[in-house]
Amino acid sequence: MQGEDFQIALTEKRAGRSPLTQRLVPHRQLTEYSPKPIFESLASQVGGLPGVGERESRMGEAQTRAFWISDALANGPREAFIDDHEFCHLNEGGFLQLSLPRDVRERVVRLGWGEVHPAADAGFVPATWTMVYAPRDIAELTAVTELAITSHRFATGGSILKPESKS
């Protein structure tokens, strides 16, 4: 599946300077975290995607929220996953580690919304592994949520899916 299958609206450069990050494993964002309401909204929107379950990540630090899909929905390529069928995890502070199609990942990096995971740079994990910086406001939340949806679509094999309403 090619990245051009994933049309995203991300065209604007992220405002301000990139946050400081730790370019080691664990790969962390060190500054500019999400305000709590933004963090909770991001968690709710990613967790509300069709077929998504949540558990503690085996690949992240303690308290990292892993989002995964069932075997039946995991129709994407192996490089769409972080661990088993985990496609994305949300770290304290609001930054995401996720897998993105390569051309989407390149746009994310070029426009300053994130960076390639250092283990991917070293060739230890798929080149699709990406850190997306924590959203700081509603506009950034919208963009980051779109990237999480793109990761979900990548993992499910390209299905166009929208978040489920949680009442």
Foldseek 3Di string as FASTA:
>chain_A
DAQVLQDDPPDAFDPDDAADWDQDPVTGGDDDFADPVLLVVLVQFLCQWPQWDWDADPRHDPPKIWIFHDPVQQPADPLLADPDGTAWIADPRAKMWGFARVVVQVSCVVSNQWAFRSCCVVVNGPRRTIIGHGDHDDVSSVRVSSRSQRSSCNRRVNDNIGGDDDD
